[in-house]
Each structure stands twice: as structure tokens, then as C-alpha cells.
Amino acid sequence: EIYQVSFDSAYNRWQTVADNLPWISVNDADNVYSTLVTLYDVQSLPTCYVIVNNGEQILRPVDVDDLKQKLTQIMG
């Protein structure tokens, strides 16, 4: 399942875009000052994480090819 966290400060713009996405998208009202930015060491946007086994393993792909490789390993 894809879950997107947006740090967009323009809530109405985010909501317009999010309504048309095929995945779950939520907006963090604290924007880039969110504790999630620190917790997950977000240094640039977009940033992608693969969370496996209810958070037991968190993978941080470096690019699209790495993401594909990690998903292939996880899903077999």
C-alpha cells in the first residue's frame, strides 16, 4: 500500500492534487517543521521509504532503480 505524507503549506493546493491520487495522501499541518522530518531524517523532498513488517524494517531507496530492486526482494 502506498501512503504519502505531504508537508505542503498550501493546504488547498495539496487537497486538490490529493483528491486525484490513487493512493492514500495525508497532509502534515506542521509542514517542514514536523517531527516526522527529524524522525525519518528527511533531507530533501520527495523522499521515499519502504516500511516492512509493521515498521520492523525501514528501507530508504536512493533512486527509482533501487526502489524497484528493494520491492522485488521484499515481494519475491
C-alpha atoms as a PDB file:
ATOM      1  CA  GLU A   1       0.000   0.000   0.000  1.00  0.00           C
ATOM      2  CA  ILE A   2       1.293   3.477  -0.828  1.00  0.00           C
ATOM      3  CA  TYR A   3       0.973   6.110   1.865  1.00  0.00           C
ATOM      4  CA  GLN A   4       2.092   9.662   1.138  1.00  0.00           C
ATOM      5  CA  VAL A   5       2.766  12.338   3.736  1.00  0.00           C
ATOM      6  CA  SER A   6       2.753  15.832   2.288  1.00  0.00           C
ATOM      7  CA  PHE A   7       4.453  18.740   4.016  1.00  0.00           C
ATOM      8  CA  ASP A   8       2.885  21.267   1.632  1.00  0.00           C
ATOM      9  CA  SER A   9       1.976  24.511   3.379  1.00  0.00           C
ATOM     10  CA  ALA A  10      -0.614  25.324   0.685  1.00  0.00           C
ATOM     11  CA  TYR A  11      -3.333  23.046   2.067  1.00  0.00           C
ATOM     12  CA  ASN A  12      -5.935  23.816  -0.611  1.00  0.00           C
ATOM     13  CA  ARG A  13      -3.480  23.117  -3.430  1.00  0.00           C
ATOM     14  CA  TRP A  14      -2.424  19.841  -1.777  1.00  0.00           C
ATOM     15  CA  GLN A  15      -6.055  18.795  -1.279  1.00  0.00           C
ATOM     16  CA  THR A  16      -6.891  19.402  -4.943  1.00  0.00           C
ATOM     17  CA  VAL A  17      -3.994  17.220  -6.060  1.00  0.00           C
ATOM     18  CA  ALA A  18      -4.512  14.577  -3.342  1.00  0.00           C
ATOM     19  CA  ASP A  19      -8.154  14.062  -4.290  1.00  0.00           C
ATOM     20  CA  ASN A  20      -6.987  12.717  -7.654  1.00  0.00           C
ATOM     21  CA  LEU A  21      -4.250  10.368  -6.427  1.00  0.00           C
ATOM     22  CA  PRO A  22      -4.741   6.585  -6.477  1.00  0.00           C
ATOM     23  CA  TRP A  23      -3.072   6.195  -3.045  1.00  0.00           C
ATOM     24  CA  ILE A  24      -3.549   7.475   0.493  1.00  0.00           C
ATOM     25  CA  SER A  25      -2.267  11.014   0.895  1.00  0.00           C
ATOM     26  CA  VAL A  26      -2.282  13.000   4.129  1.00  0.00           C
ATOM     27  CA  ASN A  27      -1.007  16.469   4.912  1.00  0.00           C
ATOM     28  CA  ASP A  28       1.105  17.279   7.957  1.00  0.00           C
ATOM     29  CA  ALA A  29      -0.003  20.704   9.193  1.00  0.00           C
ATOM     30  CA  ASP A  30       3.429  21.303  10.743  1.00  0.00           C
ATOM     31  CA  ASN A  31       4.900  21.282   7.239  1.00  0.00           C
ATOM     32  CA  VAL A  32       8.697  21.006   7.122  1.00  0.00           C
ATOM     33  CA  TYR A  33       8.792  21.654  10.887  1.00  0.00           C
ATOM     34  CA  SER A  34       7.058  18.332  11.532  1.00  0.00           C
ATOM     35  CA  THR A  35       8.635  15.866  13.942  1.00  0.00           C
ATOM     36  CA  LEU A  36       8.437  13.342  11.073  1.00  0.00           C
ATOM     37  CA  VAL A  37      11.092  15.299   9.179  1.00  0.00           C
ATOM     38  CA  THR A  38      13.504  14.789  12.064  1.00  0.00           C
ATOM     39  CA  LEU A  39      12.371  11.271  12.960  1.00  0.00           C
ATOM     40  CA  TYR A  40      12.880   9.966   9.416  1.00  0.00           C
ATOM     41  CA  ASP A  41      15.850  12.232   8.636  1.00  0.00           C
ATOM     42  CA  VAL A  42      14.152  13.801   5.618  1.00  0.00           C
ATOM     43  CA  GLN A  43      16.765  15.987   3.951  1.00  0.00           C
ATOM     44  CA  SER A  44      15.043  16.622   0.635  1.00  0.00           C
ATOM     45  CA  LEU A  45      11.639  16.173  -0.941  1.00  0.00           C
ATOM     46  CA  PRO A  46      10.471  13.877  -2.295  1.00  0.00           C
ATOM     47  CA  THR A  47      11.908  11.178  -0.035  1.00  0.00           C
ATOM     48  CA  CYS A  48      10.824   7.551  -0.234  1.00  0.00           C
ATOM     49  CA  TYR A  49      10.750   4.858   2.434  1.00  0.00           C
ATOM     50  CA  VAL A  50       9.705   1.220   2.266  1.00  0.00           C
ATOM     51  CA  ILE A  51       8.331   0.085   5.616  1.00  0.00           C
ATOM     52  CA  VAL A  52       8.214  -3.680   6.052  1.00  0.00           C
ATOM     53  CA  ASN A  53       6.582  -5.871   8.713  1.00  0.00           C
ATOM     54  CA  ASN A  54       4.750  -3.085  10.544  1.00  0.00           C
ATOM     55  CA  GLY A  55       7.875  -0.969  10.914  1.00  0.00           C
ATOM     56  CA  GLU A  56      10.335  -3.702  11.842  1.00  0.00           C
ATOM     57  CA  GLN A  57      12.417  -2.816   8.800  1.00  0.00           C
ATOM     58  CA  ILE A  58      12.649   0.569   7.133  1.00  0.00           C
ATOM     59  CA  LEU A  59      14.418   0.817   3.785  1.00  0.00           C
ATOM     60  CA  ARG A  60      15.382   4.087   2.144  1.00  0.00           C
ATOM     61  CA  PRO A  61      15.824   3.666  -1.606  1.00  0.00           C
ATOM     62  CA  VAL A  62      18.241   6.128  -3.182  1.00  0.00           C
ATOM     63  CA  ASP A  63      16.576   6.216  -6.597  1.00  0.00           C
ATOM     64  CA  VAL A  64      13.873   4.553  -8.696  1.00  0.00           C
ATOM     65  CA  ASP A  65      16.079   1.606  -9.683  1.00  0.00           C
ATOM     66  CA  ASP A  66      16.964   0.970  -6.030  1.00  0.00           C
ATOM     67  CA  LEU A  67      13.259   1.165  -5.137  1.00  0.00           C
ATOM     68  CA  LYS A  68      12.421  -1.450  -7.785  1.00  0.00           C
ATOM     69  CA  GLN A  69      15.195  -3.714  -6.502  1.00  0.00           C
ATOM     70  CA  LYS A  70      14.086  -3.425  -2.879  1.00  0.00           C
ATOM     71  CA  LEU A  71      10.437  -4.081  -3.758  1.00  0.00           C
ATOM     72  CA  THR A  72      11.434  -7.108  -5.830  1.00  0.00           C
ATOM     73  CA  GLN A  73      13.432  -8.505  -2.892  1.00  0.00           C
ATOM     74  CA  ILE A  74      10.543  -7.977  -0.477  1.00  0.00           C
ATOM     75  CA  MET A  75       7.742  -9.234  -2.708  1.00  0.00           C
ATOM     76  CA  GLY A  76       9.697 -12.065  -4.301  1.00  0.00           C
END
